[in-house]
Structure formats: structure tokens, C-alpha cells
PDB file of N, CA and C in Angstrom:
ATOM      1  N   MET A   1      -1.158 -25.807 -11.754  1.00  0.00           N
ATOM      2  CA  MET A   1      -0.156 -24.945 -12.344  1.00  0.00           C
ATOM      3  C   MET A   1       1.149 -25.727 -12.445  1.00  0.00           C
ATOM      4  N   THR A   2       1.697 -25.782 -13.618  1.00  0.00           N
ATOM      5  CA  THR A   2       2.953 -26.489 -13.808  1.00  0.00           C
ATOM      6  C   THR A   2       4.122 -25.550 -13.593  1.00  0.00           C
ATOM      7  N   ALA A   3       5.245 -26.121 -13.275  1.00  0.00           N
ATOM      8  CA  ALA A   3       6.438 -25.312 -13.011  1.00  0.00           C
ATOM      9  C   ALA A   3       6.867 -24.537 -14.246  1.00  0.00           C
ATOM     10  N   SER A   4       6.586 -25.058 -15.435  1.00  0.00           N
ATOM     11  CA  SER A   4       7.026 -24.380 -16.646  1.00  0.00           C
ATOM     12  C   SER A   4       6.250 -23.095 -16.909  1.00  0.00           C
ATOM     13  N   SER A   5       5.065 -22.931 -16.296  1.00  0.00           N
ATOM     14  CA  SER A   5       4.280 -21.726 -16.537  1.00  0.00           C
ATOM     15  C   SER A   5       4.682 -20.569 -15.619  1.00  0.00           C
ATOM     16  N   TRP A   6       5.461 -20.851 -14.582  1.00  0.00           N
ATOM     17  CA  TRP A   6       5.916 -19.781 -13.701  1.00  0.00           C
ATOM     18  C   TRP A   6       7.023 -18.998 -14.392  1.00  0.00           C
ATOM     19  N   ALA A   7       7.090 -17.734 -14.094  1.00  0.00           N
ATOM     20  CA  ALA A   7       8.092 -16.871 -14.716  1.00  0.00           C
ATOM     21  C   ALA A   7       9.481 -17.232 -14.195  1.00  0.00           C
ATOM     22  N   GLN A   8      10.359 -17.578 -15.079  1.00  0.00           N
ATOM     23  CA  GLN A   8      11.739 -17.853 -14.715  1.00  0.00           C
ATOM     24  C   GLN A   8      12.619 -17.032 -15.641  1.00  0.00           C
ATOM     25  N   SER A   9      12.943 -15.837 -15.199  1.00  0.00           N
ATOM     26  CA  SER A   9      13.743 -14.938 -16.006  1.00  0.00           C
ATOM     27  C   SER A   9      14.690 -14.181 -15.090  1.00  0.00           C
ATOM     28  N   ALA A  10      15.516 -13.347 -15.676  1.00  0.00           N
ATOM     29  CA  ALA A  10      16.426 -12.528 -14.884  1.00  0.00           C
ATOM     30  C   ALA A  10      15.644 -11.539 -14.024  1.00  0.00           C
ATOM     31  N   GLU A  11      14.495 -11.082 -14.515  1.00  0.00           N
ATOM     32  CA  GLU A  11      13.690 -10.111 -13.769  1.00  0.00           C
ATOM     33  C   GLU A  11      12.964 -10.764 -12.598  1.00  0.00           C
ATOM     34  N   TYR A  12      12.496 -11.986 -12.782  1.00  0.00           N
ATOM     35  CA  TYR A  12      11.769 -12.724 -11.742  1.00  0.00           C
ATOM     36  C   TYR A  12      12.358 -14.130 -11.616  1.00  0.00           C
ATOM     37  N   PRO A  13      13.573 -14.253 -11.072  1.00  0.00           N
ATOM     38  CA  PRO A  13      14.256 -15.545 -11.055  1.00  0.00           C
ATOM     39  C   PRO A  13      13.532 -16.606 -10.226  1.00  0.00           C
ATOM     40  N   ASP A  14      12.826 -16.203  -9.175  1.00  0.00           N
ATOM     41  CA  ASP A  14      12.116 -17.163  -8.325  1.00  0.00           C
ATOM     42  C   ASP A  14      10.653 -17.309  -8.720  1.00  0.00           C
ATOM     43  N   GLY A  15      10.201 -16.517  -9.687  1.00  0.00           N
ATOM     44  CA  GLY A  15       8.788 -16.530 -10.049  1.00  0.00           C
ATOM     45  C   GLY A  15       7.924 -15.838  -9.019  1.00  0.00           C
ATOM     46  N   ILE A  16       8.549 -15.021  -8.158  1.00  0.00           N
ATOM     47  CA  ILE A  16       7.838 -14.288  -7.098  1.00  0.00           C
ATOM     48  C   ILE A  16       8.250 -12.826  -7.167  1.00  0.00           C
ATOM     49  N   VAL A  17       7.289 -11.937  -6.951  1.00  0.00           N
ATOM     50  CA  VAL A  17       7.590 -10.510  -6.897  1.00  0.00           C
ATOM     51  C   VAL A  17       7.082  -9.961  -5.564  1.00  0.00           C
ATOM     52  N   THR A  18       7.808  -9.009  -5.000  1.00  0.00           N
ATOM     53  CA  THR A  18       7.413  -8.364  -3.749  1.00  0.00           C
ATOM     54  C   THR A  18       7.274  -6.876  -3.999  1.00  0.00           C
ATOM     55  N   ALA A  19       6.201  -6.301  -3.461  1.00  0.00           N
ATOM     56  CA  ALA A  19       5.945  -4.866  -3.629  1.00  0.00           C
ATOM     57  C   ALA A  19       5.767  -4.228  -2.263  1.00  0.00           C
ATOM     58  N   GLU A  20       6.221  -2.989  -2.140  1.00  0.00           N
ATOM     59  CA  GLU A  20       6.066  -2.240  -0.899  1.00  0.00           C
ATOM     60  C   GLU A  20       5.170  -1.042  -1.151  1.00  0.00           C
ATOM     61  N   SER A  21       4.271  -0.781  -0.231  1.00  0.00           N
ATOM     62  CA  SER A  21       3.309   0.310  -0.361  1.00  0.00           C
ATOM     63  C   SER A  21       4.007   1.660  -0.397  1.00  0.00           C
ATOM     64  N   LEU A  22       3.461   2.571  -1.185  1.00  0.00           N
ATOM     65  CA  LEU A  22       3.950   3.953  -1.203  1.00  0.00           C
ATOM     66  C   LEU A  22       3.295   4.768  -0.099  1.00  0.00           C
ATOM     67  N   PHE A  23       2.296   4.185   0.592  1.00  0.00           N
ATOM     68  CA  PHE A  23       1.519   4.900   1.594  1.00  0.00           C
ATOM     69  C   PHE A  23       1.634   4.277   2.981  1.00  0.00           C
ATOM     70  N   GLY A  24       2.608   3.406   3.185  1.00  0.00           N
ATOM     71  CA  GLY A  24       2.810   2.804   4.491  1.00  0.00           C
ATOM     72  C   GLY A  24       1.855   1.659   4.807  1.00  0.00           C
ATOM     73  N   ASN A  25       1.318   1.025   3.790  1.00  0.00           N
ATOM     74  CA  ASN A  25       0.367  -0.070   3.994  1.00  0.00           C
ATOM     75  C   ASN A  25       1.026  -1.441   4.062  1.00  0.00           C
ATOM     76  N   GLY A  26       2.334  -1.514   4.102  1.00  0.00           N
ATOM     77  CA  GLY A  26       3.033  -2.787   4.233  1.00  0.00           C
ATOM     78  C   GLY A  26       3.629  -3.293   2.938  1.00  0.00           C
ATOM     79  N   ARG A  27       3.860  -4.604   2.916  1.00  0.00           N
ATOM     80  CA  ARG A  27       4.456  -5.268   1.754  1.00  0.00           C
ATOM     81  C   ARG A  27       3.583  -6.452   1.371  1.00  0.00           C
ATOM     82  N   ILE A  28       3.707  -6.864   0.108  1.00  0.00           N
ATOM     83  CA  ILE A  28       2.963  -8.022  -0.379  1.00  0.00           C
ATOM     84  C   ILE A  28       3.808  -8.738  -1.425  1.00  0.00           C
ATOM     85  N   SER A  29       3.681 -10.048  -1.474  1.00  0.00           N
ATOM     86  CA  SER A  29       4.374 -10.857  -2.473  1.00  0.00           C
ATOM     87  C   SER A  29       3.361 -11.696  -3.228  1.00  0.00           C
ATOM     88  N   GLY A  30       3.695 -12.009  -4.452  1.00  0.00           N
ATOM     89  CA  GLY A  30       2.815 -12.845  -5.250  1.00  0.00           C
ATOM     90  C   GLY A  30       3.574 -13.523  -6.371  1.00  0.00           C
ATOM     91  N   PRO A  31       3.056 -14.659  -6.840  1.00  0.00           N
ATOM     92  CA  PRO A  31       3.701 -15.372  -7.943  1.00  0.00           C
ATOM     93  C   PRO A  31       3.526 -14.656  -9.276  1.00  0.00           C
ATOM     94  N   VAL A  32       4.496 -14.849 -10.140  1.00  0.00           N
ATOM     95  CA  VAL A  32       4.496 -14.258 -11.483  1.00  0.00           C
ATOM     96  C   VAL A  32       4.600 -15.402 -12.482  1.00  0.00           C
ATOM     97  N   ARG A  33       3.847 -15.291 -13.571  1.00  0.00           N
ATOM     98  CA  ARG A  33       3.959 -16.288 -14.638  1.00  0.00           C
ATOM     99  C   ARG A  33       4.120 -15.573 -15.968  1.00  0.00           C
ATOM    100  N   GLN A  34       4.751 -16.248 -16.900  1.00  0.00           N
ATOM    101  CA  GLN A  34       4.940 -15.687 -18.229  1.00  0.00           C
ATOM    102  C   GLN A  34       3.897 -16.294 -19.156  1.00  0.00           C
ATOM    103  N   THR A  35       3.251 -15.429 -19.943  1.00  0.00           N
ATOM    104  CA  THR A  35       2.270 -15.868 -20.923  1.00  0.00           C
ATOM    105  C   THR A  35       2.747 -15.449 -22.308  1.00  0.00           C
ATOM    106  N   ASN A  36       1.970 -15.753 -23.318  1.00  0.00           N
ATOM    107  CA  ASN A  36       2.322 -15.347 -24.686  1.00  0.00           C
ATOM    108  C   ASN A  36       2.312 -13.834 -24.846  1.00  0.00           C
ATOM    109  N   LEU A  37       1.554 -13.138 -23.989  1.00  0.00           N
ATOM    110  CA  LEU A  37       1.424 -11.684 -24.100  1.00  0.00           C
ATOM    111  C   LEU A  37       2.297 -10.920 -23.116  1.00  0.00           C
ATOM    112  N   GLY A  38       3.053 -11.611 -22.298  1.00  0.00           N
ATOM    113  CA  GLY A  38       3.897 -10.955 -21.300  1.00  0.00           C
ATOM    114  C   GLY A  38       3.760 -11.639 -19.961  1.00  0.00           C
ATOM    115  N   TYR A  39       3.945 -10.886 -18.887  1.00  0.00           N
ATOM    116  CA  TYR A  39       3.875 -11.438 -17.538  1.00  0.00           C
ATOM    117  C   TYR A  39       2.505 -11.173 -16.917  1.00  0.00           C
ATOM    118  N   ASP A  40       2.080 -12.083 -16.028  1.00  0.00           N
ATOM    119  CA  ASP A  40       0.901 -11.927 -15.188  1.00  0.00           C
ATOM    120  C   ASP A  40       1.349 -12.086 -13.749  1.00  0.00           C
ATOM    121  N   VAL A  41       0.656 -11.397 -12.830  1.00  0.00           N
ATOM    122  CA  VAL A  41       0.910 -11.553 -11.408  1.00  0.00           C
ATOM    123  C   VAL A  41      -0.395 -12.015 -10.763  1.00  0.00           C
ATOM    124  N   GLN A  42      -0.271 -12.879  -9.750  1.00  0.00           N
ATOM    125  CA  GLN A  42      -1.453 -13.410  -9.091  1.00  0.00           C
ATOM    126  C   GLN A  42      -1.791 -12.567  -7.868  1.00  0.00           C
ATOM    127  N   LEU A  43      -3.053 -12.149  -7.781  1.00  0.00           N
ATOM    128  CA  LEU A  43      -3.546 -11.392  -6.641  1.00  0.00           C
ATOM    129  C   LEU A  43      -3.912 -12.366  -5.518  1.00  0.00           C
ATOM    130  N   PRO A  44      -4.044 -11.868  -4.276  1.00  0.00           N
ATOM    131  CA  PRO A  44      -4.415 -12.753  -3.172  1.00  0.00           C
ATOM    132  C   PRO A  44      -5.746 -13.481  -3.399  1.00  0.00           C
ATOM    133  N   SER A  45      -6.628 -12.915  -4.200  1.00  0.00           N
ATOM    134  CA  SER A  45      -7.912 -13.557  -4.498  1.00  0.00           C
ATOM    135  C   SER A  45      -7.748 -14.792  -5.375  1.00  0.00           C
ATOM    136  N   GLY A  46      -6.575 -14.937  -5.976  1.00  0.00           N
ATOM    137  CA  GLY A  46      -6.312 -16.067  -6.855  1.00  0.00           C
ATOM    138  C   GLY A  46      -6.385 -15.716  -8.333  1.00  0.00           C
ATOM    139  N   SER A  47      -6.902 -14.540  -8.647  1.00  0.00           N
ATOM    140  CA  SER A  47      -6.993 -14.149 -10.055  1.00  0.00           C
ATOM    141  C   SER A  47      -5.643 -13.631 -10.551  1.00  0.00           C
ATOM    142  N   TRP A  48      -5.418 -13.810 -11.838  1.00  0.00           N
ATOM    143  CA  TRP A  48      -4.188 -13.359 -12.481  1.00  0.00           C
ATOM    144  C   TRP A  48      -4.495 -12.096 -13.263  1.00  0.00           C
ATOM    145  N   VAL A  49      -3.639 -11.088 -13.149  1.00  0.00           N
ATOM    146  CA  VAL A  49      -3.798  -9.852 -13.909  1.00  0.00           C
ATOM    147  C   VAL A  49      -2.509  -9.581 -14.682  1.00  0.00           C
ATOM    148  N   PRO A  50      -2.622  -8.996 -15.869  1.00  0.00           N
ATOM    149  CA  PRO A  50      -1.420  -8.688 -16.650  1.00  0.00           C
ATOM    150  C   PRO A  50      -0.584  -7.602 -15.976  1.00  0.00           C
ATOM    151  N   CYS A  51       0.714  -7.748 -16.019  1.00  0.00           N
ATOM    152  CA  CYS A  51       1.625  -6.723 -15.508  1.00  0.00           C
ATOM    153  C   CYS A  51       1.707  -5.609 -16.549  1.00  0.00           C
ATOM    154  N   ILE A  52       1.481  -4.388 -16.117  1.00  0.00           N
ATOM    155  CA  ILE A  52       1.493  -3.260 -17.046  1.00  0.00           C
ATOM    156  C   ILE A  52       2.930  -2.823 -17.317  1.00  0.00           C
ATOM    157  N   ARG A  53       3.571  -2.191 -16.369  1.00  0.00           N
ATOM    158  CA  ARG A  53       4.972  -1.788 -16.544  1.00  0.00           C
ATOM    159  C   ARG A  53       5.895  -2.735 -15.788  1.00  0.00           C
ATOM    160  N   SER A  54       5.528  -3.013 -14.546  1.00  0.00           N
ATOM    161  CA  SER A  54       6.272  -3.998 -13.766  1.00  0.00           C
ATOM    162  C   SER A  54       5.266  -4.773 -12.928  1.00  0.00           C
ATOM    163  N   CYS A  55       5.579  -6.006 -12.660  1.00  0.00           N
ATOM    164  CA  CYS A  55       4.671  -6.846 -11.883  1.00  0.00           C
ATOM    165  C   CYS A  55       4.572  -6.360 -10.444  1.00  0.00           C
ATOM    166  N   GLY A  56       5.656  -5.811  -9.910  1.00  0.00           N
ATOM    167  CA  GLY A  56       5.624  -5.270  -8.552  1.00  0.00           C
ATOM    168  C   GLY A  56       4.668  -4.106  -8.427  1.00  0.00           C
ATOM    169  N   ASP A  57       4.725  -3.191  -9.386  1.00  0.00           N
ATOM    170  CA  ASP A  57       3.817  -2.044  -9.354  1.00  0.00           C
ATOM    171  C   ASP A  57       2.371  -2.477  -9.555  1.00  0.00           C
ATOM    172  N   THR A  58       2.146  -3.414 -10.455  1.00  0.00           N
ATOM    173  CA  THR A  58       0.787  -3.899 -10.686  1.00  0.00           C
ATOM    174  C   THR A  58       0.233  -4.548  -9.426  1.00  0.00           C
ATOM    175  N   LEU A  59       1.029  -5.378  -8.770  1.00  0.00           N
ATOM    176  CA  LEU A  59       0.591  -6.030  -7.534  1.00  0.00           C
ATOM    177  C   LEU A  59       0.295  -4.994  -6.456  1.00  0.00           C
ATOM    178  N   ARG A  60       1.161  -4.010  -6.314  1.00  0.00           N
ATOM    179  CA  ARG A  60       0.976  -2.959  -5.310  1.00  0.00           C
ATOM    180  C   ARG A  60      -0.297  -2.166  -5.555  1.00  0.00           C
ATOM    181  N   VAL A  61      -0.493  -1.694  -6.793  1.00  0.00           N
ATOM    182  CA  VAL A  61      -1.650  -0.857  -7.129  1.00  0.00           C
ATOM    183  C   VAL A  61      -2.952  -1.635  -7.003  1.00  0.00           C
ATOM    184  N   GLU A  62      -2.936  -2.913  -7.315  1.00  0.00           N
ATOM    185  CA  GLU A  62      -4.170  -3.709  -7.282  1.00  0.00           C
ATOM    186  C   GLU A  62      -4.478  -4.302  -5.906  1.00  0.00           C
ATOM    187  N   THR A  63      -3.565  -4.143  -4.940  1.00  0.00           N
ATOM    188  CA  THR A  63      -3.803  -4.735  -3.613  1.00  0.00           C
ATOM    189  C   THR A  63      -3.611  -3.710  -2.507  1.00  0.00           C
ATOM    190  N   ILE A  64      -2.412  -3.588  -1.969  1.00  0.00           N
ATOM    191  CA  ILE A  64      -2.194  -2.789  -0.759  1.00  0.00           C
ATOM    192  C   ILE A  64      -2.370  -1.288  -0.956  1.00  0.00           C
ATOM    193  N   ASP A  65      -2.200  -0.790  -2.164  1.00  0.00           N
ATOM    194  CA  ASP A  65      -2.408   0.644  -2.423  1.00  0.00           C
ATOM    195  C   ASP A  65      -3.653   0.896  -3.265  1.00  0.00           C
ATOM    196  N   TYR A  66      -4.590  -0.056  -3.267  1.00  0.00           N
ATOM    197  CA  TYR A  66      -5.767   0.040  -4.141  1.00  0.00           C
ATOM    198  C   TYR A  66      -6.536   1.344  -3.921  1.00  0.00           C
ATOM    199  N   TRP A  67      -6.968   1.597  -2.702  1.00  0.00           N
ATOM    200  CA  TRP A  67      -7.791   2.798  -2.447  1.00  0.00           C
ATOM    201  C   TRP A  67      -6.957   4.066  -2.480  1.00  0.00           C
ATOM    202  N   ASP A  68      -5.744   4.034  -1.975  1.00  0.00           N
ATOM    203  CA  ASP A  68      -4.883   5.218  -2.014  1.00  0.00           C
ATOM    204  C   ASP A  68      -4.556   5.599  -3.449  1.00  0.00           C
ATOM    205  N   ALA A  69      -4.343   4.608  -4.299  1.00  0.00           N
ATOM    206  CA  ALA A  69      -4.007   4.876  -5.700  1.00  0.00           C
ATOM    207  C   ALA A  69      -5.181   5.551  -6.405  1.00  0.00           C
ATOM    208  N   ARG A  70      -6.399   5.146  -6.091  1.00  0.00           N
ATOM    209  CA  ARG A  70      -7.558   5.758  -6.730  1.00  0.00           C
ATOM    210  C   ARG A  70      -7.864   7.130  -6.153  1.00  0.00           C
ATOM    211  N   LYS A  71      -7.689   7.276  -4.845  1.00  0.00           N
ATOM    212  CA  LYS A  71      -7.953   8.557  -4.187  1.00  0.00           C
ATOM    213  C   LYS A  71      -6.962   9.622  -4.644  1.00  0.00           C
ATOM    214  N   ASN A  72      -5.708   9.260  -4.755  1.00  0.00           N
ATOM    215  CA  ASN A  72      -4.658  10.212  -5.110  1.00  0.00           C
ATOM    216  C   ASN A  72      -4.288  10.182  -6.583  1.00  0.00           C
ATOM    217  N   ILE A  73      -4.993   9.404  -7.365  1.00  0.00           N
ATOM    218  CA  ILE A  73      -4.744   9.243  -8.789  1.00  0.00           C
ATOM    219  C   ILE A  73      -3.294   8.843  -9.046  1.00  0.00           C
ATOM    220  N   VAL A  74      -2.790   7.951  -8.225  1.00  0.00           N
ATOM    221  CA  VAL A  74      -1.445   7.424  -8.416  1.00  0.00           C
ATOM    222  C   VAL A  74      -1.572   6.108  -9.159  1.00  0.00           C
ATOM    223  N   LYS A  75      -0.890   5.982 -10.242  1.00  0.00           N
ATOM    224  CA  LYS A  75      -0.912   4.740 -10.997  1.00  0.00           C
ATOM    225  C   LYS A  75       0.434   4.062 -10.859  1.00  0.00           C
ATOM    226  N   GLU A  76       0.722   3.181 -11.755  1.00  0.00           N
ATOM    227  CA  GLU A  76       1.971   2.434 -11.667  1.00  0.00           C
ATOM    228  C   GLU A  76       3.154   3.324 -12.020  1.00  0.00           C
ATOM    229  N   CYS A  77       4.289   2.982 -11.473  1.00  0.00           N
ATOM    230  CA  CYS A  77       5.509   3.736 -11.737  1.00  0.00           C
ATOM    231  C   CYS A  77       6.040   3.370 -13.114  1.00  0.00           C
ATOM    232  N   GLY A  78       6.603   4.338 -13.786  1.00  0.00           N
ATOM    233  CA  GLY A  78       7.113   4.106 -15.124  1.00  0.00           C
ATOM    234  C   GLY A  78       8.566   4.496 -15.251  1.00  0.00           C
ATOM    235  N   VAL A  79       8.937   4.888 -16.441  1.00  0.00           N
ATOM    236  CA  VAL A  79      10.311   5.239 -16.753  1.00  0.00           C
ATOM    237  C   VAL A  79      10.791   6.415 -15.903  1.00  0.00           C
ATOM    238  N   PHE A  80       9.891   7.349 -15.607  1.00  0.00           N
ATOM    239  CA  PHE A  80      10.255   8.550 -14.858  1.00  0.00           C
ATOM    240  C   PHE A  80      10.021   8.400 -13.360  1.00  0.00           C
ATOM    241  N   GLY A  81       9.831   7.183 -12.874  1.00  0.00           N
ATOM    242  CA  GLY A  81       9.569   6.954 -11.458  1.00  0.00           C
ATOM    243  C   GLY A  81       8.080   6.987 -11.183  1.00  0.00           C
ATOM    244  N   CYS A  82       7.725   7.179  -9.930  1.00  0.00           N
ATOM    245  CA  CYS A  82       6.314   7.214  -9.535  1.00  0.00           C
ATOM    246  C   CYS A  82       5.817   8.654  -9.632  1.00  0.00           C
ATOM    247  N   LEU A  83       4.981   8.903 -10.611  1.00  0.00           N
ATOM    248  CA  LEU A  83       4.432  10.237 -10.801  1.00  0.00           C
ATOM    249  C   LEU A  83       3.104  10.348 -10.081  1.00  0.00           C
ATOM    250  N   LYS A  84       2.847  11.480  -9.469  1.00  0.00           N
ATOM    251  CA  LYS A  84       1.609  11.696  -8.737  1.00  0.00           C
ATOM    252  C   LYS A  84       0.891  12.887  -9.362  1.00  0.00           C
ATOM    253  N   LEU A  85      -0.313  12.661  -9.819  1.00  0.00           N
ATOM    254  CA  LEU A  85      -1.111  13.716 -10.414  1.00  0.00           C
ATOM    255  C   LEU A  85      -2.157  14.177  -9.423  1.00  0.00           C
ATOM    256  N   GLU A  86      -2.207  15.467  -9.181  1.00  0.00           N
ATOM    257  CA  GLU A  86      -3.222  16.031  -8.291  1.00  0.00           C
ATOM    258  C   GLU A  86      -3.872  17.196  -9.001  1.00  0.00           C
ATOM    259  N   TYR A  87      -5.157  17.308  -8.810  1.00  0.00           N
ATOM    260  CA  TYR A  87      -5.889  18.420  -9.407  1.00  0.00           C
ATOM    261  C   TYR A  87      -6.032  19.542  -8.391  1.00  0.00           C
ATOM    262  N   PRO A  88      -5.938  20.808  -8.841  1.00  0.00           N
ATOM    263  CA  PRO A  88      -6.102  21.935  -7.904  1.00  0.00           C
ATOM    264  C   PRO A  88      -7.510  21.924  -7.319  1.00  0.00           C
ATOM    265  N   ARG A  89      -7.605  22.367  -6.100  1.00  0.00           N
ATOM    266  CA  ARG A  89      -8.917  22.405  -5.424  1.00  0.00           C
ATOM    267  C   ARG A  89      -9.505  23.771  -5.449  1.00  0.00           C
TER     268      ARG A  89
END
């Protein structure tokens, strides 16, 4: 990986993003790179995934909040903050 492929922008000045769990599962950091289609964030497994709304939310949902996000149908945070959808029982 060359230095020029890492994200160097106002949003990710160090090319690193940190995310904190919404469910108390801790924090995680990962590198961010810019591609022709936008930003990608690297998961601990080494694979790169595209950032949907923000790289922090993508990293959080795909790692430390993976099972909680699927169980509670919580996805990435957007313009209106973190929305939680629950179905009546």
C-alpha cells in the first residue's frame, strides 16, 4: 500500500478513523483510503469495504456492533442521527 492511496482529507486527515460502539462493545480504529468511487475502510480481517455514509459508522457496524446491529436492525447513522427500527411484538 502506497502512502498516496491512504485517505488524506479534511474528514480523515491521518487516514485513520475511530468508531465507538452504540452498545458498549468498546472502540475500534482502522485505516481509510480514497478510491475512484469514494472512501474505503479496512476491517481487522484485512478486507476493505466501501464507506456508506461515514467510514466510522461502516467500521462500527461491520465489526464491534455487527451482531447487535443485525439483532436490533440498527444500521449506519445518517443525516438524522442513529435511527433504530423495531418491530412490534
